[in-house]
């Protein structure tokens, strides 16, 4: 989360960040923590889970499906009123694998991202599994063309788990292997 936050807020800030990792390794948790930071600092953001909010055939149609008056990027730009804003597209890999897969879904995502980047105050975070970054030629090509900052999420170090467990008043030595695996 800290690496993502620094990527979005440093002087050499990334306008597009690709967050990826294996399934179940904490990508959505990192995004949750990011949204908490954005909210705490009064930064406008629009989080979309593409496994639930499947893109229509155009950015405008996608926005209307979400109950917005325009495309997601245009609405975020209006809501942020020239201040920083972050568009989050979580579960981007879901549009490849769902039964409701539309051949236009990734095209629409690419257009929404491109539209967001036309607003100088907006950044975009795209989240998917590493498998799809490596295996899907369209996502791989987009990553290369967009020059997205790449952040790979993986399991926490054992020492980090121990510190958190201690901070909650428990002894790390009482954790079983499965508990430790889940906490990592």
C-alpha atoms as a PDB file:
ATOM      1  CA  UNK A   1       0.000   0.000   0.000  1.00  0.00           C
ATOM      2  CA  UNK A   2       2.825   2.374   0.854  1.00  0.00           C
ATOM      3  CA  UNK A   3       4.549   1.740  -2.478  1.00  0.00           C
ATOM      4  CA  UNK A   4       1.290   2.395  -4.336  1.00  0.00           C
ATOM      5  CA  UNK A   5       0.643   5.543  -2.311  1.00  0.00           C
ATOM      6  CA  UNK A   6       4.151   6.835  -3.022  1.00  0.00           C
ATOM      7  CA  UNK A   7       3.729   6.092  -6.729  1.00  0.00           C
ATOM      8  CA  UNK A   8       0.559   8.175  -6.836  1.00  0.00           C
ATOM      9  CA  UNK A   9       1.787  11.090  -4.715  1.00  0.00           C
ATOM     10  CA  UNK A  10       5.524  11.523  -5.286  1.00  0.00           C
ATOM     11  CA  UNK A  11       6.970  14.303  -7.401  1.00  0.00           C
ATOM     12  CA  UNK A  12       7.753  11.786 -10.128  1.00  0.00           C
ATOM     13  CA  UNK A  13       4.235  10.427  -9.723  1.00  0.00           C
ATOM     14  CA  UNK A  14       2.952   7.703 -11.963  1.00  0.00           C
ATOM     15  CA  UNK A  15      -0.265   8.520 -13.744  1.00  0.00           C
ATOM     16  CA  UNK A  16      -1.001   4.826 -14.346  1.00  0.00           C
ATOM     17  CA  UNK A  17      -0.167   2.067 -11.878  1.00  0.00           C
ATOM     18  CA  UNK A  18      -0.696  -1.635 -12.530  1.00  0.00           C
ATOM     19  CA  UNK A  19      -1.117  -3.594  -9.292  1.00  0.00           C
ATOM     20  CA  UNK A  20      -0.939  -7.350  -9.740  1.00  0.00           C
ATOM     21  CA  UNK A  21      -0.177 -10.555  -7.919  1.00  0.00           C
ATOM     22  CA  UNK A  22      -1.392 -14.124  -7.567  1.00  0.00           C
ATOM     23  CA  UNK A  23      -5.010 -14.778  -6.625  1.00  0.00           C
ATOM     24  CA  UNK A  24      -5.654 -14.421  -2.913  1.00  0.00           C
ATOM     25  CA  UNK A  25      -2.383 -12.593  -2.172  1.00  0.00           C
ATOM     26  CA  UNK A  26      -3.934  -9.291  -1.031  1.00  0.00           C
ATOM     27  CA  UNK A  27      -4.458  -7.053  -4.056  1.00  0.00           C
ATOM     28  CA  UNK A  28      -7.966  -6.052  -2.998  1.00  0.00           C
ATOM     29  CA  UNK A  29      -6.707  -5.466   0.555  1.00  0.00           C
ATOM     30  CA  UNK A  30      -4.074  -3.075  -0.785  1.00  0.00           C
ATOM     31  CA  UNK A  31      -6.747  -1.253  -2.778  1.00  0.00           C
ATOM     32  CA  UNK A  32      -8.989  -1.068   0.296  1.00  0.00           C
ATOM     33  CA  UNK A  33      -6.147   0.515   2.269  1.00  0.00           C
ATOM     34  CA  UNK A  34      -5.505   2.925  -0.617  1.00  0.00           C
ATOM     35  CA  UNK A  35      -9.144   4.053  -0.618  1.00  0.00           C
ATOM     36  CA  UNK A  36      -8.968   4.645   3.143  1.00  0.00           C
ATOM     37  CA  UNK A  37      -5.935   6.901   2.638  1.00  0.00           C
ATOM     38  CA  UNK A  38      -7.578   8.732  -0.234  1.00  0.00           C
ATOM     39  CA  UNK A  39     -10.712   9.302   1.828  1.00  0.00           C
ATOM     40  CA  UNK A  40      -8.733  10.421   4.899  1.00  0.00           C
ATOM     41  CA  UNK A  41      -6.888  12.988   2.778  1.00  0.00           C
ATOM     42  CA  UNK A  42      -9.973  14.228   0.934  1.00  0.00           C
ATOM     43  CA  UNK A  43      -8.851  12.918  -2.466  1.00  0.00           C
ATOM     44  CA  UNK A  44     -11.671  12.084  -4.886  1.00  0.00           C
ATOM     45  CA  UNK A  45     -11.642   8.518  -6.135  1.00  0.00           C
ATOM     46  CA  UNK A  46     -13.903   6.185  -8.070  1.00  0.00           C
ATOM     47  CA  UNK A  47     -13.361   2.471  -7.353  1.00  0.00           C
ATOM     48  CA  UNK A  48     -14.864   0.038  -9.842  1.00  0.00           C
ATOM     49  CA  UNK A  49     -14.802  -3.744  -9.486  1.00  0.00           C
ATOM     50  CA  UNK A  50     -14.945  -5.080 -12.997  1.00  0.00           C
ATOM     51  CA  UNK A  51     -16.211  -8.459 -11.819  1.00  0.00           C
ATOM     52  CA  UNK A  52     -19.367  -6.625 -10.655  1.00  0.00           C
ATOM     53  CA  UNK A  53     -19.377  -3.464 -12.779  1.00  0.00           C
ATOM     54  CA  UNK A  54     -18.884  -4.950 -16.238  1.00  0.00           C
ATOM     55  CA  UNK A  55     -18.079  -2.317 -18.847  1.00  0.00           C
ATOM     56  CA  UNK A  56     -20.599  -1.569 -21.558  1.00  0.00           C
ATOM     57  CA  UNK A  57     -19.598  -1.040 -25.157  1.00  0.00           C
ATOM     58  CA  UNK A  58     -18.607   2.611 -24.654  1.00  0.00           C
ATOM     59  CA  UNK A  59     -17.336   4.674 -21.724  1.00  0.00           C
ATOM     60  CA  UNK A  60     -20.590   6.671 -21.716  1.00  0.00           C
ATOM     61  CA  UNK A  61     -22.693   3.485 -21.644  1.00  0.00           C
ATOM     62  CA  UNK A  62     -20.457   2.127 -18.875  1.00  0.00           C
ATOM     63  CA  UNK A  63     -21.019   5.274 -16.817  1.00  0.00           C
ATOM     64  CA  UNK A  64     -24.769   5.121 -17.314  1.00  0.00           C
ATOM     65  CA  UNK A  65     -24.796   1.466 -16.206  1.00  0.00           C
ATOM     66  CA  UNK A  66     -23.191   2.701 -12.984  1.00  0.00           C
ATOM     67  CA  UNK A  67     -25.842   5.389 -12.519  1.00  0.00           C
ATOM     68  CA  UNK A  68     -23.486   8.184 -13.553  1.00  0.00           C
ATOM     69  CA  UNK A  69     -24.368  11.056 -15.881  1.00  0.00           C
ATOM     70  CA  UNK A  70     -21.302  10.455 -18.068  1.00  0.00           C
ATOM     71  CA  UNK A  71     -18.286   8.226 -18.442  1.00  0.00           C
ATOM     72  CA  UNK A  72     -16.510   7.223 -15.221  1.00  0.00           C
ATOM     73  CA  UNK A  73     -13.474   9.380 -16.071  1.00  0.00           C
ATOM     74  CA  UNK A  74     -15.526  12.485 -16.889  1.00  0.00           C
ATOM     75  CA  UNK A  75     -17.595  12.127 -13.723  1.00  0.00           C
ATOM     76  CA  UNK A  76     -14.485  11.680 -11.554  1.00  0.00           C
ATOM     77  CA  UNK A  77     -12.886  14.723 -13.197  1.00  0.00           C
ATOM     78  CA  UNK A  78     -16.014  16.781 -12.467  1.00  0.00           C
ATOM     79  CA  UNK A  79     -16.234  15.519  -8.873  1.00  0.00           C
ATOM     80  CA  UNK A  80     -12.573  16.303  -8.192  1.00  0.00           C
ATOM     81  CA  UNK A  81     -12.994  19.857  -9.526  1.00  0.00           C
ATOM     82  CA  UNK A  82      -9.420  20.159 -10.756  1.00  0.00           C
ATOM     83  CA  UNK A  83      -7.907  18.578  -7.632  1.00  0.00           C
ATOM     84  CA  UNK A  84      -6.260  15.160  -7.585  1.00  0.00           C
ATOM     85  CA  UNK A  85      -8.501  12.196  -8.373  1.00  0.00           C
ATOM     86  CA  UNK A  86      -7.869   8.458  -8.695  1.00  0.00           C
ATOM     87  CA  UNK A  87      -9.798   6.021 -10.883  1.00  0.00           C
ATOM     88  CA  UNK A  88      -9.455   2.428  -9.648  1.00  0.00           C
ATOM     89  CA  UNK A  89     -10.265  -0.499 -11.937  1.00  0.00           C
ATOM     90  CA  UNK A  90     -10.104  -3.574  -9.693  1.00  0.00           C
ATOM     91  CA  UNK A  91     -10.490  -7.157 -10.951  1.00  0.00           C
ATOM     92  CA  UNK A  92      -9.576  -6.210 -14.538  1.00  0.00           C
ATOM     93  CA  UNK A  93      -8.879  -9.868 -15.215  1.00  0.00           C
ATOM     94  CA  UNK A  94     -12.554 -10.700 -14.529  1.00  0.00           C
ATOM     95  CA  UNK A  95     -13.705  -9.269 -17.846  1.00  0.00           C
ATOM     96  CA  UNK A  96     -11.641 -11.921 -19.565  1.00  0.00           C
ATOM     97  CA  UNK A  97     -13.031 -14.921 -17.693  1.00  0.00           C
ATOM     98  CA  UNK A  98     -16.701 -14.228 -16.906  1.00  0.00           C
ATOM     99  CA  UNK A  99     -19.581 -15.772 -18.796  1.00  0.00           C
ATOM    100  CA  UNK A 100     -20.849 -12.258 -19.428  1.00  0.00           C
ATOM    101  CA  UNK A 101     -17.554 -11.413 -21.167  1.00  0.00           C
ATOM    102  CA  UNK A 102     -18.019  -8.838 -23.853  1.00  0.00           C
ATOM    103  CA  UNK A 103     -15.544  -8.534 -26.692  1.00  0.00           C
ATOM    104  CA  UNK A 104     -15.730  -4.789 -26.105  1.00  0.00           C
ATOM    105  CA  UNK A 105     -15.115  -4.836 -22.346  1.00  0.00           C
ATOM    106  CA  UNK A 106     -11.327  -4.435 -22.479  1.00  0.00           C
ATOM    107  CA  UNK A 107     -11.652  -1.906 -25.317  1.00  0.00           C
ATOM    108  CA  UNK A 108     -13.975   0.120 -23.112  1.00  0.00           C
ATOM    109  CA  UNK A 109     -11.536  -0.097 -20.181  1.00  0.00           C
ATOM    110  CA  UNK A 110      -8.699   1.131 -22.389  1.00  0.00           C
ATOM    111  CA  UNK A 111     -10.850   4.053 -23.572  1.00  0.00           C
ATOM    112  CA  UNK A 112     -11.842   4.938 -19.995  1.00  0.00           C
ATOM    113  CA  UNK A 113      -8.159   4.895 -18.962  1.00  0.00           C
ATOM    114  CA  UNK A 114      -7.140   7.031 -21.947  1.00  0.00           C
ATOM    115  CA  UNK A 115      -9.950   9.479 -21.175  1.00  0.00           C
ATOM    116  CA  UNK A 116      -8.898   9.707 -17.518  1.00  0.00           C
ATOM    117  CA  UNK A 117      -5.334  10.507 -18.552  1.00  0.00           C
ATOM    118  CA  UNK A 118      -6.529  13.455 -20.630  1.00  0.00           C
ATOM    119  CA  UNK A 119      -7.330  15.105 -17.296  1.00  0.00           C
ATOM    120  CA  UNK A 120      -3.991  16.184 -15.808  1.00  0.00           C
ATOM    121  CA  UNK A 121      -5.285  15.787 -12.244  1.00  0.00           C
ATOM    122  CA  UNK A 122      -6.397  12.154 -12.594  1.00  0.00           C
ATOM    123  CA  UNK A 123      -4.386   8.974 -12.053  1.00  0.00           C
ATOM    124  CA  UNK A 124      -5.479   5.410 -12.774  1.00  0.00           C
ATOM    125  CA  UNK A 125      -4.863   2.205 -10.816  1.00  0.00           C
ATOM    126  CA  UNK A 126      -5.548  -1.061 -12.672  1.00  0.00           C
ATOM    127  CA  UNK A 127      -5.642  -4.268 -10.614  1.00  0.00           C
ATOM    128  CA  UNK A 128      -5.478  -7.834 -11.907  1.00  0.00           C
ATOM    129  CA  UNK A 129      -3.782 -11.174 -11.363  1.00  0.00           C
ATOM    130  CA  UNK A 130      -0.162 -11.554 -12.467  1.00  0.00           C
ATOM    131  CA  UNK A 131      -1.220 -14.572 -14.531  1.00  0.00           C
ATOM    132  CA  UNK A 132      -3.319 -12.302 -16.725  1.00  0.00           C
ATOM    133  CA  UNK A 133      -0.562  -9.693 -17.049  1.00  0.00           C
ATOM    134  CA  UNK A 134       1.715 -12.462 -18.316  1.00  0.00           C
ATOM    135  CA  UNK A 135      -0.833 -14.515 -20.285  1.00  0.00           C
ATOM    136  CA  UNK A 136      -3.352 -12.109 -21.811  1.00  0.00           C
ATOM    137  CA  UNK A 137      -1.815 -10.496 -24.910  1.00  0.00           C
ATOM    138  CA  UNK A 138      -4.145  -7.482 -24.708  1.00  0.00           C
ATOM    139  CA  UNK A 139      -3.310  -6.705 -21.068  1.00  0.00           C
ATOM    140  CA  UNK A 140       0.387  -7.339 -21.743  1.00  0.00           C
ATOM    141  CA  UNK A 141       0.306  -4.968 -24.758  1.00  0.00           C
ATOM    142  CA  UNK A 142      -1.593  -2.324 -22.781  1.00  0.00           C
ATOM    143  CA  UNK A 143       0.971  -2.536 -19.962  1.00  0.00           C
ATOM    144  CA  UNK A 144       3.816  -1.988 -22.404  1.00  0.00           C
ATOM    145  CA  UNK A 145       2.126   0.849 -24.327  1.00  0.00           C
ATOM    146  CA  UNK A 146       0.821   2.676 -21.257  1.00  0.00           C
ATOM    147  CA  UNK A 147       4.203   2.629 -19.496  1.00  0.00           C
ATOM    148  CA  UNK A 148       2.274   1.804 -16.342  1.00  0.00           C
ATOM    149  CA  UNK A 149       4.210   1.710 -13.085  1.00  0.00           C
ATOM    150  CA  UNK A 150       4.260  -1.938 -12.062  1.00  0.00           C
ATOM    151  CA  UNK A 151       3.625  -3.011  -8.452  1.00  0.00           C
ATOM    152  CA  UNK A 152       3.526  -6.702  -7.635  1.00  0.00           C
ATOM    153  CA  UNK A 153       1.685  -7.732  -4.470  1.00  0.00           C
ATOM    154  CA  UNK A 154       2.858 -10.837  -2.659  1.00  0.00           C
ATOM    155  CA  UNK A 155       2.691 -12.393   0.775  1.00  0.00           C
ATOM    156  CA  UNK A 156       3.807 -10.394   3.793  1.00  0.00           C
ATOM    157  CA  UNK A 157       7.128 -11.259   5.403  1.00  0.00           C
ATOM    158  CA  UNK A 158       6.930 -13.420   8.525  1.00  0.00           C
ATOM    159  CA  UNK A 159       8.425 -10.611  10.619  1.00  0.00           C
ATOM    160  CA  UNK A 160       5.639  -8.272   9.513  1.00  0.00           C
ATOM    161  CA  UNK A 161       3.009 -10.803  10.571  1.00  0.00           C
ATOM    162  CA  UNK A 162       4.753 -11.199  13.931  1.00  0.00           C
ATOM    163  CA  UNK A 163       4.775  -7.416  14.531  1.00  0.00           C
ATOM    164  CA  UNK A 164       1.056  -7.126  13.729  1.00  0.00           C
ATOM    165  CA  UNK A 165       0.135 -10.106  15.907  1.00  0.00           C
ATOM    166  CA  UNK A 166       2.184  -8.652  18.782  1.00  0.00           C
ATOM    167  CA  UNK A 167       0.541  -5.241  18.307  1.00  0.00           C
ATOM    168  CA  UNK A 168      -2.832  -6.935  18.776  1.00  0.00           C
ATOM    169  CA  UNK A 169      -1.652  -8.457  22.050  1.00  0.00           C
ATOM    170  CA  UNK A 170      -1.139 -12.048  20.905  1.00  0.00           C
ATOM    171  CA  UNK A 171       1.971 -14.194  20.786  1.00  0.00           C
ATOM    172  CA  UNK A 172       3.192 -15.084  17.273  1.00  0.00           C
ATOM    173  CA  UNK A 173       4.413 -18.444  18.620  1.00  0.00           C
ATOM    174  CA  UNK A 174       0.785 -19.495  19.172  1.00  0.00           C
ATOM    175  CA  UNK A 175       0.012 -19.327  15.433  1.00  0.00           C
ATOM    176  CA  UNK A 176      -0.362 -22.566  13.528  1.00  0.00           C
ATOM    177  CA  UNK A 177       1.049 -22.990  10.027  1.00  0.00           C
ATOM    178  CA  UNK A 178      -2.327 -22.425   8.358  1.00  0.00           C
ATOM    179  CA  UNK A 179      -3.016 -19.304  10.446  1.00  0.00           C
ATOM    180  CA  UNK A 180       0.403 -17.931   9.560  1.00  0.00           C
ATOM    181  CA  UNK A 181      -0.181 -18.697   5.846  1.00  0.00           C
ATOM    182  CA  UNK A 182      -3.518 -16.832   5.887  1.00  0.00           C
ATOM    183  CA  UNK A 183      -2.064 -13.850   7.747  1.00  0.00           C
ATOM    184  CA  UNK A 184       0.827 -13.579   5.298  1.00  0.00           C
END
